[in-house]
Amino acid sequence: MSSSDQESTPGVDVDPRQRPVIESVIEIFTSQFGSEWANDDEANLRFSVEVEQVLRGIDGAHLIGEPQVADGAITLNMWVDDPIEDLMDADQLAYDIFGRISEEIFYAERQFDTKSIRYPFITGSSRHGHTGSLILAGPHAADFADRHQLRATGGVRFQA
């Protein structure tokens, strides 16, 4: 059971060491700036429109559709145009994107999904904030995520 499954299950205590750090970071900012800090729908809409414009000029990836906003979180699905050889390539692409969209405050972490690389993030200022995920997707991202999972778990590829 993942930590997010445990958190949504009533009566199940979650070891704080198993929670993604970003959840603690969000709690710190909302306690510092108020519970509405990252839940301003108008600010999230403005941010999403700006992000869509800014990401049109990124090399190596392009936005799939429009930024999605649900429950106060913004999801940016990015199609990766070129093969990802290592973590440096993946992080470089993600931080090229973050360098264009982040504000005064910024934090992100890397998570591997089955067929993508997810970077949950938080950005903003003392007036407003934005939380969400940048998702590197497409066959190049899926291939790298698969290779990374195999390396991390010690698995071997099936050879016919």
N, C-alpha and C. Protein backbone atom coordinates (compact mmCIF):
# COMPACT_ATOMS: atom_id res chain seq x y z
N MET A 1 0.85 -1.17 0.00
CA MET A 1 0.00 0.00 0.00
C MET A 1 0.89 1.23 0.00
N SER A 2 0.62 2.17 -0.88
CA SER A 2 1.44 3.38 -0.94
C SER A 2 1.07 4.31 0.19
N SER A 3 1.93 5.29 0.46
CA SER A 3 1.65 6.23 1.53
C SER A 3 0.40 7.03 1.24
N SER A 4 0.11 7.33 -0.03
CA SER A 4 -1.10 8.08 -0.34
C SER A 4 -2.34 7.22 -0.08
N ASP A 5 -2.25 5.89 -0.30
CA ASP A 5 -3.35 5.00 0.02
C ASP A 5 -3.57 4.96 1.53
N GLN A 6 -2.48 4.91 2.29
CA GLN A 6 -2.60 4.87 3.73
C GLN A 6 -3.21 6.14 4.28
N GLU A 7 -2.84 7.29 3.72
CA GLU A 7 -3.36 8.55 4.22
C GLU A 7 -4.85 8.66 3.99
N SER A 8 -5.37 8.06 2.92
CA SER A 8 -6.78 8.17 2.63
C SER A 8 -7.59 7.09 3.34
N THR A 9 -6.94 6.18 4.04
CA THR A 9 -7.64 5.13 4.76
C THR A 9 -7.82 5.57 6.21
N PRO A 10 -9.09 5.76 6.63
CA PRO A 10 -9.33 6.19 8.01
C PRO A 10 -8.77 5.19 9.01
N GLY A 11 -8.20 5.70 10.08
CA GLY A 11 -7.70 4.86 11.15
C GLY A 11 -6.32 4.28 10.92
N VAL A 12 -5.70 4.56 9.80
CA VAL A 12 -4.36 4.02 9.53
C VAL A 12 -3.35 5.14 9.77
N ASP A 13 -2.44 4.89 10.70
CA ASP A 13 -1.39 5.87 10.98
C ASP A 13 -0.27 5.70 9.97
N VAL A 14 0.23 6.81 9.46
CA VAL A 14 1.30 6.79 8.48
C VAL A 14 2.58 7.24 9.16
N ASP A 15 3.62 6.45 9.01
CA ASP A 15 4.93 6.82 9.51
C ASP A 15 5.37 8.07 8.74
N PRO A 16 5.66 9.20 9.43
CA PRO A 16 6.04 10.41 8.72
C PRO A 16 7.25 10.23 7.80
N ARG A 17 8.08 9.24 8.09
CA ARG A 17 9.24 9.00 7.24
C ARG A 17 8.85 8.39 5.90
N GLN A 18 7.63 7.87 5.78
CA GLN A 18 7.17 7.27 4.53
C GLN A 18 6.40 8.26 3.67
N ARG A 19 6.07 9.42 4.20
CA ARG A 19 5.36 10.43 3.44
C ARG A 19 6.32 11.13 2.50
N PRO A 20 5.86 11.49 1.31
CA PRO A 20 6.73 12.31 0.45
C PRO A 20 7.04 13.63 1.16
N VAL A 21 8.26 14.07 1.05
CA VAL A 21 8.70 15.30 1.71
C VAL A 21 7.86 16.49 1.26
N ILE A 22 7.43 16.48 0.02
CA ILE A 22 6.68 17.61 -0.49
C ILE A 22 5.41 17.86 0.32
N GLU A 23 4.80 16.82 0.85
CA GLU A 23 3.61 17.00 1.68
C GLU A 23 3.96 17.81 2.94
N SER A 24 5.10 17.53 3.53
CA SER A 24 5.53 18.30 4.71
C SER A 24 5.85 19.74 4.34
N VAL A 25 6.45 19.94 3.18
CA VAL A 25 6.78 21.29 2.72
C VAL A 25 5.50 22.09 2.50
N ILE A 26 4.50 21.48 1.89
CA ILE A 26 3.22 22.16 1.69
C ILE A 26 2.60 22.53 3.02
N GLU A 27 2.64 21.62 3.99
CA GLU A 27 2.10 21.91 5.32
C GLU A 27 2.81 23.10 5.96
N ILE A 28 4.12 23.16 5.81
CA ILE A 28 4.89 24.27 6.38
C ILE A 28 4.46 25.59 5.75
N PHE A 29 4.34 25.63 4.42
CA PHE A 29 3.96 26.87 3.75
C PHE A 29 2.53 27.28 4.08
N THR A 30 1.62 26.33 4.15
CA THR A 30 0.24 26.70 4.48
C THR A 30 0.11 27.14 5.94
N SER A 31 0.92 26.58 6.82
CA SER A 31 0.88 27.07 8.21
C SER A 31 1.51 28.46 8.30
N GLN A 32 2.51 28.72 7.47
CA GLN A 32 3.18 30.04 7.46
C GLN A 32 2.31 31.11 6.80
N PHE A 33 1.70 30.78 5.65
CA PHE A 33 1.01 31.79 4.84
C PHE A 33 -0.50 31.68 4.85
N GLY A 34 -1.07 30.64 5.47
CA GLY A 34 -2.52 30.48 5.54
C GLY A 34 -3.01 29.34 4.66
N SER A 35 -4.15 28.79 5.04
CA SER A 35 -4.68 27.61 4.35
C SER A 35 -5.07 27.88 2.90
N GLU A 36 -5.33 29.13 2.55
CA GLU A 36 -5.71 29.46 1.17
C GLU A 36 -4.50 29.76 0.28
N TRP A 37 -3.30 29.69 0.84
CA TRP A 37 -2.09 30.07 0.11
C TRP A 37 -1.97 29.38 -1.24
N ALA A 38 -2.19 28.08 -1.33
CA ALA A 38 -2.05 27.36 -2.59
C ALA A 38 -3.41 27.00 -3.19
N ASN A 39 -4.48 27.56 -2.66
CA ASN A 39 -5.82 27.19 -3.12
C ASN A 39 -6.56 28.35 -3.77
N ASP A 40 -5.83 29.31 -4.30
CA ASP A 40 -6.44 30.46 -4.97
C ASP A 40 -6.69 30.08 -6.43
N ASP A 41 -7.95 29.79 -6.76
CA ASP A 41 -8.29 29.34 -8.11
C ASP A 41 -7.90 30.35 -9.18
N GLU A 42 -8.10 31.63 -8.89
CA GLU A 42 -7.75 32.67 -9.87
C GLU A 42 -6.24 32.72 -10.11
N ALA A 43 -5.46 32.65 -9.03
CA ALA A 43 -3.99 32.65 -9.18
C ALA A 43 -3.52 31.40 -9.92
N ASN A 44 -4.14 30.25 -9.63
CA ASN A 44 -3.77 29.01 -10.33
C ASN A 44 -4.12 29.09 -11.82
N LEU A 45 -5.25 29.72 -12.14
CA LEU A 45 -5.63 29.88 -13.54
C LEU A 45 -4.64 30.78 -14.27
N ARG A 46 -4.28 31.92 -13.66
CA ARG A 46 -3.29 32.82 -14.27
C ARG A 46 -1.95 32.10 -14.46
N PHE A 47 -1.53 31.36 -13.44
CA PHE A 47 -0.28 30.61 -13.52
C PHE A 47 -0.34 29.60 -14.66
N SER A 48 -1.44 28.86 -14.78
CA SER A 48 -1.58 27.85 -15.82
C SER A 48 -1.53 28.45 -17.21
N VAL A 49 -2.19 29.59 -17.41
CA VAL A 49 -2.17 30.26 -18.71
C VAL A 49 -0.76 30.72 -19.05
N GLU A 50 -0.06 31.29 -18.06
CA GLU A 50 1.32 31.73 -18.28
C GLU A 50 2.24 30.56 -18.58
N VAL A 51 2.08 29.46 -17.84
CA VAL A 51 2.90 28.27 -18.05
C VAL A 51 2.71 27.73 -19.46
N GLU A 52 1.47 27.70 -19.91
CA GLU A 52 1.20 27.19 -21.26
C GLU A 52 1.93 28.01 -22.31
N GLN A 53 1.95 29.33 -22.14
CA GLN A 53 2.65 30.20 -23.08
C GLN A 53 4.17 30.00 -23.01
N VAL A 54 4.70 29.95 -21.81
CA VAL A 54 6.14 29.84 -21.61
C VAL A 54 6.68 28.51 -22.14
N LEU A 55 5.93 27.44 -21.94
CA LEU A 55 6.42 26.11 -22.31
C LEU A 55 6.38 25.85 -23.81
N ARG A 56 5.81 26.74 -24.58
CA ARG A 56 5.83 26.56 -26.04
C ARG A 56 7.25 26.66 -26.59
N GLY A 57 8.14 27.35 -25.90
CA GLY A 57 9.49 27.55 -26.39
C GLY A 57 10.52 26.61 -25.81
N ILE A 58 10.11 25.59 -25.09
CA ILE A 58 11.07 24.69 -24.45
C ILE A 58 11.63 23.69 -25.48
N ASP A 59 12.93 23.46 -25.44
CA ASP A 59 13.56 22.47 -26.31
C ASP A 59 13.57 21.11 -25.63
N GLY A 60 13.23 20.06 -26.37
CA GLY A 60 13.31 18.70 -25.85
C GLY A 60 12.02 18.14 -25.32
N ALA A 61 10.98 18.97 -25.20
CA ALA A 61 9.70 18.49 -24.69
C ALA A 61 8.61 19.48 -25.08
N HIS A 62 7.39 19.01 -25.10
CA HIS A 62 6.28 19.92 -25.32
C HIS A 62 5.08 19.48 -24.49
N LEU A 63 4.27 20.47 -24.14
CA LEU A 63 3.10 20.26 -23.30
C LEU A 63 2.08 19.40 -24.04
N ILE A 64 1.57 18.39 -23.37
CA ILE A 64 0.50 17.56 -23.92
C ILE A 64 -0.82 18.20 -23.46
N GLY A 65 -1.55 18.76 -24.38
CA GLY A 65 -2.81 19.42 -24.01
C GLY A 65 -2.55 20.69 -23.23
N GLU A 66 -3.43 20.98 -22.30
CA GLU A 66 -3.32 22.17 -21.46
C GLU A 66 -2.97 21.75 -20.04
N PRO A 67 -2.44 22.68 -19.25
CA PRO A 67 -2.24 22.36 -17.82
C PRO A 67 -3.60 21.99 -17.21
N GLN A 68 -3.60 20.98 -16.38
CA GLN A 68 -4.83 20.54 -15.73
C GLN A 68 -4.82 21.04 -14.29
N VAL A 69 -5.94 21.60 -13.85
CA VAL A 69 -6.07 22.06 -12.48
C VAL A 69 -7.22 21.29 -11.83
N ALA A 70 -6.91 20.56 -10.77
CA ALA A 70 -7.92 19.79 -10.04
C ALA A 70 -7.56 19.82 -8.56
N ASP A 71 -8.53 20.14 -7.74
CA ASP A 71 -8.34 20.18 -6.29
C ASP A 71 -7.17 21.08 -5.89
N GLY A 72 -7.00 22.19 -6.60
CA GLY A 72 -5.95 23.14 -6.28
C GLY A 72 -4.56 22.77 -6.76
N ALA A 73 -4.42 21.62 -7.42
CA ALA A 73 -3.11 21.18 -7.91
C ALA A 73 -3.06 21.26 -9.43
N ILE A 74 -1.92 21.68 -9.94
CA ILE A 74 -1.71 21.86 -11.37
C ILE A 74 -0.87 20.71 -11.89
N THR A 75 -1.34 20.06 -12.96
CA THR A 75 -0.59 18.97 -13.57
C THR A 75 -0.14 19.41 -14.95
N LEU A 76 1.17 19.29 -15.19
CA LEU A 76 1.76 19.62 -16.48
C LEU A 76 2.30 18.33 -17.09
N ASN A 77 1.62 17.83 -18.10
CA ASN A 77 2.06 16.61 -18.80
C ASN A 77 2.93 17.03 -19.97
N MET A 78 4.19 16.62 -19.95
CA MET A 78 5.15 17.00 -20.99
C MET A 78 5.59 15.77 -21.76
N TRP A 79 5.49 15.84 -23.09
CA TRP A 79 5.97 14.79 -23.98
C TRP A 79 7.47 15.02 -24.19
N VAL A 80 8.27 14.02 -23.89
CA VAL A 80 9.72 14.11 -24.06
C VAL A 80 10.08 13.74 -25.48
N ASP A 81 10.79 14.64 -26.17
CA ASP A 81 11.11 14.46 -27.58
C ASP A 81 12.32 13.58 -27.84
N ASP A 82 13.26 13.53 -26.92
CA ASP A 82 14.53 12.83 -27.15
C ASP A 82 14.77 11.78 -26.07
N PRO A 83 15.56 10.76 -26.38
CA PRO A 83 15.86 9.74 -25.37
C PRO A 83 16.50 10.35 -24.11
N ILE A 84 16.17 9.76 -22.97
CA ILE A 84 16.76 10.16 -21.69
C ILE A 84 17.77 9.07 -21.33
N GLU A 85 19.03 9.46 -21.28
CA GLU A 85 20.09 8.49 -21.02
C GLU A 85 20.33 8.23 -19.54
N ASP A 86 20.17 9.27 -18.70
CA ASP A 86 20.48 9.12 -17.28
C ASP A 86 19.69 10.14 -16.47
N LEU A 87 19.86 10.07 -15.15
CA LEU A 87 19.14 11.00 -14.27
C LEU A 87 19.47 12.46 -14.56
N MET A 88 20.70 12.71 -14.96
CA MET A 88 21.08 14.09 -15.28
C MET A 88 20.25 14.63 -16.44
N ASP A 89 20.01 13.81 -17.47
CA ASP A 89 19.19 14.23 -18.60
C ASP A 89 17.76 14.54 -18.15
N ALA A 90 17.19 13.64 -17.35
CA ALA A 90 15.81 13.84 -16.87
C ALA A 90 15.71 15.10 -16.02
N ASP A 91 16.62 15.23 -15.06
CA ASP A 91 16.58 16.39 -14.17
C ASP A 91 16.87 17.68 -14.92
N GLN A 92 17.78 17.64 -15.88
CA GLN A 92 18.10 18.84 -16.66
C GLN A 92 16.87 19.33 -17.40
N LEU A 93 16.13 18.41 -18.02
CA LEU A 93 14.91 18.80 -18.72
C LEU A 93 13.88 19.36 -17.75
N ALA A 94 13.68 18.67 -16.63
CA ALA A 94 12.71 19.15 -15.63
C ALA A 94 13.10 20.53 -15.11
N TYR A 95 14.37 20.73 -14.80
CA TYR A 95 14.78 22.01 -14.24
C TYR A 95 14.89 23.11 -15.30
N ASP A 96 15.04 22.75 -16.58
CA ASP A 96 14.90 23.74 -17.64
C ASP A 96 13.47 24.29 -17.64
N ILE A 97 12.51 23.40 -17.42
CA ILE A 97 11.10 23.80 -17.36
C ILE A 97 10.85 24.60 -16.08
N PHE A 98 11.28 24.08 -14.95
CA PHE A 98 11.06 24.78 -13.68
C PHE A 98 11.73 26.15 -13.67
N GLY A 99 12.88 26.26 -14.31
CA GLY A 99 13.57 27.55 -14.36
C GLY A 99 12.75 28.62 -15.05
N ARG A 100 11.81 28.22 -15.88
CA ARG A 100 10.97 29.18 -16.60
C ARG A 100 9.66 29.46 -15.89
N ILE A 101 9.22 28.55 -15.03
CA ILE A 101 7.90 28.73 -14.42
C ILE A 101 7.91 28.97 -12.92
N SER A 102 9.04 28.73 -12.26
CA SER A 102 9.04 28.87 -10.80
C SER A 102 9.10 30.34 -10.40
N GLU A 103 8.60 30.59 -9.20
CA GLU A 103 8.56 31.94 -8.66
C GLU A 103 9.58 32.06 -7.53
N GLU A 104 9.33 32.95 -6.56
CA GLU A 104 10.30 33.21 -5.49
C GLU A 104 10.61 31.97 -4.65
N ILE A 105 9.58 31.20 -4.33
CA ILE A 105 9.71 29.98 -3.54
C ILE A 105 9.61 28.81 -4.50
N PHE A 106 10.49 27.82 -4.33
CA PHE A 106 10.43 26.66 -5.21
C PHE A 106 10.99 25.43 -4.51
N TYR A 107 10.27 24.31 -4.67
CA TYR A 107 10.75 23.02 -4.19
C TYR A 107 10.16 21.95 -5.11
N ALA A 108 10.96 20.95 -5.45
CA ALA A 108 10.48 19.81 -6.25
C ALA A 108 11.21 18.55 -5.80
N GLU A 109 10.61 17.42 -6.07
CA GLU A 109 11.26 16.14 -5.84
C GLU A 109 10.92 15.21 -6.99
N ARG A 110 11.74 14.21 -7.18
CA ARG A 110 11.58 13.27 -8.30
C ARG A 110 10.96 11.98 -7.80
N GLN A 111 9.97 11.49 -8.57
CA GLN A 111 9.35 10.20 -8.29
C GLN A 111 9.21 9.45 -9.61
N PHE A 112 9.44 8.16 -9.57
CA PHE A 112 9.28 7.35 -10.78
C PHE A 112 7.94 6.65 -10.74
N ASP A 113 7.15 6.86 -11.77
CA ASP A 113 5.91 6.12 -11.96
C ASP A 113 6.20 4.98 -12.93
N THR A 114 5.22 4.19 -13.23
CA THR A 114 5.41 3.04 -14.11
C THR A 114 5.93 3.43 -15.48
N LYS A 115 5.34 4.45 -16.08
CA LYS A 115 5.70 4.83 -17.45
C LYS A 115 6.05 6.31 -17.58
N SER A 116 6.42 6.94 -16.49
CA SER A 116 6.74 8.36 -16.54
C SER A 116 7.62 8.74 -15.35
N ILE A 117 8.08 9.98 -15.40
CA ILE A 117 8.86 10.54 -14.29
C ILE A 117 8.07 11.74 -13.79
N ARG A 118 7.73 11.72 -12.52
CA ARG A 118 6.88 12.76 -11.92
C ARG A 118 7.74 13.62 -11.01
N TYR A 119 7.56 14.92 -11.15
CA TYR A 119 8.23 15.89 -10.28
C TYR A 119 7.17 16.71 -9.56
N PRO A 120 6.70 16.24 -8.37
CA PRO A 120 5.78 17.08 -7.60
C PRO A 120 6.52 18.37 -7.23
N PHE A 121 5.82 19.50 -7.30
CA PHE A 121 6.48 20.78 -7.04
C PHE A 121 5.58 21.71 -6.25
N ILE A 122 6.22 22.71 -5.70
CA ILE A 122 5.53 23.82 -5.05
C ILE A 122 6.32 25.07 -5.43
N THR A 123 5.60 26.12 -5.78
CA THR A 123 6.23 27.38 -6.12
C THR A 123 5.29 28.52 -5.76
N GLY A 124 5.81 29.69 -5.64
CA GLY A 124 4.97 30.85 -5.33
C GLY A 124 5.75 31.94 -4.65
N SER A 125 5.02 32.72 -3.88
CA SER A 125 5.58 33.82 -3.10
C SER A 125 4.84 33.87 -1.78
N SER A 126 5.09 34.88 -0.97
CA SER A 126 4.37 34.98 0.30
C SER A 126 2.88 35.30 0.08
N ARG A 127 2.52 35.81 -1.09
CA ARG A 127 1.12 36.16 -1.38
C ARG A 127 0.28 34.99 -1.88
N HIS A 128 0.86 34.10 -2.67
CA HIS A 128 0.11 32.98 -3.23
C HIS A 128 1.09 31.86 -3.60
N GLY A 129 0.56 30.66 -3.72
CA GLY A 129 1.39 29.53 -4.07
C GLY A 129 0.70 28.61 -5.04
N HIS A 130 1.47 27.73 -5.63
CA HIS A 130 0.96 26.75 -6.58
C HIS A 130 1.60 25.40 -6.25
N THR A 131 0.79 24.37 -6.22
CA THR A 131 1.30 23.02 -6.04
C THR A 131 0.89 22.20 -7.25
N GLY A 132 1.62 21.16 -7.52
CA GLY A 132 1.25 20.30 -8.64
C GLY A 132 2.35 19.33 -8.99
N SER A 133 2.27 18.85 -10.22
CA SER A 133 3.25 17.89 -10.71
C SER A 133 3.61 18.18 -12.16
N LEU A 134 4.88 18.08 -12.43
CA LEU A 134 5.39 18.06 -13.79
C LEU A 134 5.62 16.59 -14.12
N ILE A 135 5.01 16.12 -15.20
CA ILE A 135 5.13 14.71 -15.56
C ILE A 135 5.83 14.62 -16.92
N LEU A 136 6.99 13.98 -16.93
CA LEU A 136 7.69 13.71 -18.18
C LEU A 136 7.15 12.39 -18.71
N ALA A 137 6.53 12.44 -19.90
CA ALA A 137 5.84 11.28 -20.44
C ALA A 137 6.26 11.01 -21.88
N GLY A 138 5.70 9.96 -22.45
CA GLY A 138 6.01 9.55 -23.81
C GLY A 138 6.95 8.36 -23.79
N PRO A 139 7.23 7.78 -24.96
CA PRO A 139 8.04 6.55 -25.00
C PRO A 139 9.45 6.72 -24.45
N HIS A 140 10.08 7.90 -24.64
CA HIS A 140 11.44 8.10 -24.12
C HIS A 140 11.43 8.15 -22.60
N ALA A 141 10.46 8.83 -22.02
CA ALA A 141 10.36 8.89 -20.56
C ALA A 141 9.98 7.52 -20.00
N ALA A 142 9.07 6.82 -20.66
CA ALA A 142 8.66 5.49 -20.20
C ALA A 142 9.83 4.51 -20.23
N ASP A 143 10.63 4.57 -21.29
CA ASP A 143 11.79 3.69 -21.39
C ASP A 143 12.78 3.97 -20.27
N PHE A 144 13.04 5.25 -20.01
CA PHE A 144 13.98 5.57 -18.94
C PHE A 144 13.42 5.17 -17.58
N ALA A 145 12.13 5.43 -17.33
CA ALA A 145 11.52 5.05 -16.05
C ALA A 145 11.62 3.54 -15.85
N ASP A 146 11.39 2.79 -16.90
CA ASP A 146 11.49 1.33 -16.84
C ASP A 146 12.92 0.90 -16.52
N ARG A 147 13.89 1.48 -17.23
CA ARG A 147 15.30 1.14 -16.97
C ARG A 147 15.70 1.50 -15.55
N HIS A 148 15.24 2.64 -15.07
CA HIS A 148 15.58 3.07 -13.71
C HIS A 148 14.97 2.11 -12.68
N GLN A 149 13.71 1.73 -12.89
CA GLN A 149 13.06 0.79 -11.96
C GLN A 149 13.80 -0.54 -11.93
N LEU A 150 14.19 -1.03 -13.10
CA LEU A 150 14.94 -2.29 -13.14
C LEU A 150 16.27 -2.18 -12.40
N ARG A 151 16.95 -1.07 -12.60
CA ARG A 151 18.24 -0.86 -11.93
C ARG A 151 18.04 -0.75 -10.42
N ALA A 152 17.00 -0.04 -10.00
CA ALA A 152 16.76 0.18 -8.58
C ALA A 152 16.32 -1.09 -7.87
N THR A 153 15.57 -1.95 -8.57
CA THR A 153 15.08 -3.17 -7.94
C THR A 153 15.97 -4.38 -8.19
N GLY A 154 16.96 -4.21 -9.08
CA GLY A 154 17.86 -5.32 -9.39
C GLY A 154 17.26 -6.29 -10.38
N GLY A 155 16.15 -5.90 -11.01
CA GLY A 155 15.51 -6.78 -11.98
C GLY A 155 16.33 -6.90 -13.25
N VAL A 156 15.98 -7.88 -14.05
CA VAL A 156 16.63 -8.07 -15.33
C VAL A 156 15.56 -8.03 -16.41
N ARG A 157 15.95 -7.59 -17.57
CA ARG A 157 15.02 -7.55 -18.71
C ARG A 157 14.84 -8.94 -19.28
N PHE A 158 13.64 -9.20 -19.75
CA PHE A 158 13.35 -10.47 -20.40
C PHE A 158 14.02 -10.47 -21.77
N GLN A 159 14.77 -11.51 -22.06
CA GLN A 159 15.43 -11.64 -23.36
C GLN A 159 14.85 -12.86 -24.06
N ALA A 160 14.27 -12.67 -25.23
CA ALA A 160 13.68 -13.80 -25.98
C ALA A 160 14.70 -14.38 -26.93
